[in-house]
Amino acid sequence: GRGFITKAVNGCHTSSLTTPEDKGQAQQIHHEDLLNLV
């Protein structure tokens, strides 16, 4: 839903500002969210 989209966008903006390790973790979590969405 709309909340998921907002969360995904915020996650992308946040990951670009964090360290590579945090970015990788954020991408992994985002990937899991996409799987849950399907």
C-alpha atoms as a PDB file:
ATOM      1  CA  GLY A   1       0.000   0.000   0.000  1.00  0.00           C
ATOM      2  CA  ARG A   2       0.938   3.660   0.224  1.00  0.00           C
ATOM      3  CA  GLY A   3       2.776   3.085   3.512  1.00  0.00           C
ATOM      4  CA  PHE A   4       5.017   0.519   1.848  1.00  0.00           C
ATOM      5  CA  ILE A   5       5.919   2.909  -0.961  1.00  0.00           C
ATOM      6  CA  THR A   6       6.737   5.651   1.524  1.00  0.00           C
ATOM      7  CA  LYS A   7       8.844   3.216   3.547  1.00  0.00           C
ATOM      8  CA  ALA A   8      10.690   2.064   0.436  1.00  0.00           C
ATOM      9  CA  VAL A   9      11.434   5.618  -0.705  1.00  0.00           C
ATOM     10  CA  ASN A  10      12.581   6.640   2.766  1.00  0.00           C
ATOM     11  CA  GLY A  11      14.755   3.530   2.921  1.00  0.00           C
ATOM     12  CA  CYS A  12      16.430   4.417  -0.368  1.00  0.00           C
ATOM     13  CA  HIS A  13      17.156   7.970   0.749  1.00  0.00           C
ATOM     14  CA  THR A  14      18.423   6.740   4.112  1.00  0.00           C
ATOM     15  CA  SER A  15      20.664   4.023   2.661  1.00  0.00           C
ATOM     16  CA  SER A  16      22.402   6.562   0.426  1.00  0.00           C
ATOM     17  CA  LEU A  17      23.418   8.519   3.524  1.00  0.00           C
ATOM     18  CA  THR A  18      24.587   5.576   5.622  1.00  0.00           C
ATOM     19  CA  THR A  19      27.756   3.473   5.528  1.00  0.00           C
ATOM     20  CA  PRO A  20      28.125   0.704   2.911  1.00  0.00           C
ATOM     21  CA  GLU A  21      27.392  -1.903   5.580  1.00  0.00           C
ATOM     22  CA  ASP A  22      24.151  -0.203   6.568  1.00  0.00           C
ATOM     23  CA  LYS A  23      23.304   0.286   2.908  1.00  0.00           C
ATOM     24  CA  GLY A  24      23.721  -3.420   2.242  1.00  0.00           C
ATOM     25  CA  GLN A  25      21.538  -4.263   5.207  1.00  0.00           C
ATOM     26  CA  ALA A  26      18.900  -1.765   4.080  1.00  0.00           C
ATOM     27  CA  GLN A  27      18.881  -3.294   0.595  1.00  0.00           C
ATOM     28  CA  GLN A  28      18.481  -6.756   2.087  1.00  0.00           C
ATOM     29  CA  ILE A  29      15.542  -5.619   4.210  1.00  0.00           C
ATOM     30  CA  HIS A  30      14.031  -3.832   1.201  1.00  0.00           C
ATOM     31  CA  HIS A  31      14.389  -7.047  -0.833  1.00  0.00           C
ATOM     32  CA  GLU A  32      12.574  -8.998   1.885  1.00  0.00           C
ATOM     33  CA  ASP A  33       9.789  -6.392   1.873  1.00  0.00           C
ATOM     34  CA  LEU A  34       9.398  -6.858  -1.879  1.00  0.00           C
ATOM     35  CA  LEU A  35       9.112 -10.614  -1.420  1.00  0.00           C
ATOM     36  CA  ASN A  36       6.484 -10.106   1.277  1.00  0.00           C
ATOM     37  CA  LEU A  37       4.603  -7.738  -1.033  1.00  0.00           C
ATOM     38  CA  VAL A  38       4.288 -10.495  -3.626  1.00  0.00           C
END
